[in-house]
Amino acid sequence: MLDACHGTLIMHELYPAECTDETCDELSEVRHALIIGCDELDDCGCRGERPQELPRAS
């Protein structure tokens, strides 16, 4: 039997990964066929908390 989740794994930049399937309790990438980065979501909390890049001296 293949152990796989049918939800989408969301990889956050600032927070632990989460799955769209509420019954999923193993958040490894191996178990998920669908994996997206949080930057593809409009309502992710990571987006508003990213530090701004400072200008670099040349």
N, C-alpha and C. Protein backbone atom coordinates (compact mmCIF):
# COMPACT_ATOMS: atom_id res chain seq x y z
N MET A 1 0.84 -1.18 0.00
CA MET A 1 0.00 0.00 0.00
C MET A 1 0.89 1.25 0.00
N LEU A 2 0.55 2.19 -0.83
CA LEU A 2 1.31 3.44 -0.94
C LEU A 2 0.78 4.45 0.06
N ASP A 3 1.66 4.99 0.86
CA ASP A 3 1.28 5.98 1.86
C ASP A 3 1.44 7.36 1.26
N ALA A 4 0.32 7.98 0.86
CA ALA A 4 0.37 9.30 0.23
C ALA A 4 -0.79 10.14 0.72
N CYS A 5 -0.61 11.43 0.67
CA CYS A 5 -1.65 12.37 1.05
C CYS A 5 -2.24 12.96 -0.23
N HIS A 6 -3.53 13.22 -0.23
CA HIS A 6 -4.19 13.79 -1.40
C HIS A 6 -4.34 15.30 -1.32
N GLY A 7 -3.80 15.89 -0.28
CA GLY A 7 -3.84 17.34 -0.14
C GLY A 7 -2.63 17.98 -0.79
N THR A 8 -2.59 19.30 -0.74
CA THR A 8 -1.46 20.06 -1.28
C THR A 8 -0.59 20.53 -0.12
N LEU A 9 0.70 20.29 -0.21
CA LEU A 9 1.64 20.74 0.80
C LEU A 9 2.06 22.16 0.48
N ILE A 10 1.92 23.05 1.44
CA ILE A 10 2.29 24.45 1.26
C ILE A 10 3.57 24.69 2.05
N MET A 11 4.61 25.06 1.34
CA MET A 11 5.92 25.32 1.95
C MET A 11 6.04 26.82 2.23
N HIS A 12 6.09 27.17 3.51
CA HIS A 12 6.20 28.57 3.92
C HIS A 12 7.66 28.97 4.08
N GLU A 13 7.91 30.25 3.92
CA GLU A 13 9.26 30.78 4.12
C GLU A 13 9.54 31.04 5.60
N LEU A 14 8.54 31.46 6.34
CA LEU A 14 8.73 31.85 7.72
C LEU A 14 8.09 30.90 8.73
N TYR A 15 7.24 30.01 8.28
CA TYR A 15 6.48 29.12 9.16
C TYR A 15 6.66 27.68 8.73
N PRO A 16 6.28 26.73 9.59
CA PRO A 16 6.34 25.32 9.20
C PRO A 16 5.37 25.04 8.04
N ALA A 17 5.65 24.00 7.30
CA ALA A 17 4.78 23.59 6.18
C ALA A 17 3.40 23.23 6.72
N GLU A 18 2.41 23.33 5.83
CA GLU A 18 1.05 22.92 6.18
C GLU A 18 0.43 22.21 4.99
N CYS A 19 -0.61 21.43 5.25
CA CYS A 19 -1.28 20.68 4.21
C CYS A 19 -2.74 21.11 4.14
N THR A 20 -3.31 21.10 2.93
CA THR A 20 -4.71 21.48 2.76
C THR A 20 -5.66 20.38 3.22
N ASP A 21 -5.16 19.18 3.44
CA ASP A 21 -5.97 18.08 3.97
C ASP A 21 -5.88 18.11 5.49
N GLU A 22 -6.99 18.39 6.15
CA GLU A 22 -7.00 18.52 7.60
C GLU A 22 -6.63 17.23 8.33
N THR A 23 -6.79 16.08 7.67
CA THR A 23 -6.47 14.81 8.32
C THR A 23 -5.00 14.42 8.16
N CYS A 24 -4.24 15.19 7.40
CA CYS A 24 -2.83 14.88 7.16
C CYS A 24 -2.02 15.17 8.43
N ASP A 25 -1.24 14.19 8.85
CA ASP A 25 -0.42 14.40 10.04
C ASP A 25 1.07 14.20 9.76
N GLU A 26 1.43 13.95 8.53
CA GLU A 26 2.84 13.77 8.13
C GLU A 26 3.14 14.76 7.02
N LEU A 27 3.89 15.81 7.33
CA LEU A 27 4.12 16.90 6.38
C LEU A 27 5.41 16.75 5.59
N SER A 28 5.78 15.53 5.27
CA SER A 28 6.99 15.33 4.46
C SER A 28 6.66 15.50 2.97
N GLU A 29 7.64 15.99 2.23
CA GLU A 29 7.45 16.22 0.80
C GLU A 29 7.23 14.92 0.04
N VAL A 30 7.76 13.82 0.56
CA VAL A 30 7.66 12.53 -0.11
C VAL A 30 6.21 12.06 -0.21
N ARG A 31 5.39 12.39 0.76
CA ARG A 31 4.00 11.93 0.80
C ARG A 31 3.06 12.76 -0.06
N HIS A 32 3.50 13.89 -0.58
CA HIS A 32 2.62 14.80 -1.31
C HIS A 32 3.02 14.92 -2.78
N ALA A 33 2.04 14.71 -3.66
CA ALA A 33 2.29 14.86 -5.09
C ALA A 33 2.23 16.34 -5.49
N LEU A 34 1.47 17.12 -4.75
CA LEU A 34 1.32 18.54 -5.04
C LEU A 34 1.98 19.36 -3.95
N ILE A 35 2.97 20.17 -4.33
CA ILE A 35 3.71 21.01 -3.39
C ILE A 35 3.83 22.40 -4.01
N ILE A 36 3.43 23.41 -3.26
CA ILE A 36 3.56 24.78 -3.75
C ILE A 36 4.26 25.63 -2.69
N GLY A 37 4.85 26.72 -3.13
CA GLY A 37 5.45 27.68 -2.22
C GLY A 37 4.41 28.69 -1.79
N CYS A 38 4.55 29.23 -0.60
CA CYS A 38 3.56 30.17 -0.10
C CYS A 38 3.50 31.45 -0.92
N ASP A 39 4.54 31.73 -1.70
CA ASP A 39 4.53 32.93 -2.53
C ASP A 39 3.48 32.84 -3.64
N GLU A 40 2.95 31.66 -3.90
CA GLU A 40 1.90 31.49 -4.90
C GLU A 40 0.51 31.77 -4.34
N LEU A 41 0.41 32.01 -3.04
CA LEU A 41 -0.87 32.30 -2.40
C LEU A 41 -1.01 33.79 -2.16
N ASP A 42 -2.21 34.29 -2.30
CA ASP A 42 -2.44 35.73 -2.09
C ASP A 42 -2.57 36.08 -0.61
N ASP A 43 -2.96 35.12 0.22
CA ASP A 43 -3.28 35.45 1.61
C ASP A 43 -2.32 34.83 2.62
N CYS A 44 -1.09 34.58 2.24
CA CYS A 44 -0.14 33.98 3.16
C CYS A 44 0.45 35.05 4.08
N GLY A 45 0.59 34.72 5.36
CA GLY A 45 1.15 35.65 6.32
C GLY A 45 2.62 35.93 6.10
N CYS A 46 3.33 35.04 5.42
CA CYS A 46 4.76 35.25 5.15
C CYS A 46 4.98 36.49 4.28
N ARG A 47 4.05 36.75 3.38
CA ARG A 47 4.21 37.85 2.44
C ARG A 47 4.35 39.19 3.14
N GLY A 48 3.54 39.46 4.14
CA GLY A 48 3.58 40.75 4.83
C GLY A 48 4.71 40.86 5.83
N GLU A 49 5.36 39.74 6.16
CA GLU A 49 6.39 39.76 7.19
C GLU A 49 7.80 39.61 6.64
N ARG A 50 7.95 39.58 5.34
CA ARG A 50 9.29 39.45 4.76
C ARG A 50 10.06 40.74 4.98
N PRO A 51 11.29 40.64 5.39
CA PRO A 51 12.09 41.85 5.57
C PRO A 51 12.39 42.50 4.22
N GLN A 52 12.38 43.81 4.22
CA GLN A 52 12.69 44.52 2.98
C GLN A 52 14.19 44.48 2.75
N GLU A 53 14.56 44.40 1.49
CA GLU A 53 15.99 44.40 1.17
C GLU A 53 16.55 45.81 1.34
N LEU A 54 17.70 45.89 1.94
CA LEU A 54 18.35 47.18 2.10
C LEU A 54 19.22 47.46 0.88
N PRO A 55 19.37 48.71 0.52
CA PRO A 55 20.25 49.02 -0.61
C PRO A 55 21.69 48.61 -0.27
N ARG A 56 22.40 48.16 -1.27
CA ARG A 56 23.78 47.72 -1.07
C ARG A 56 24.73 48.80 -1.56
N ALA A 57 25.80 48.95 -0.83
CA ALA A 57 26.84 49.90 -1.24
C ALA A 57 27.63 49.30 -2.41
N SER A 58 28.03 50.16 -3.33
CA SER A 58 28.81 49.63 -4.47
C SER A 58 30.28 49.84 -4.28
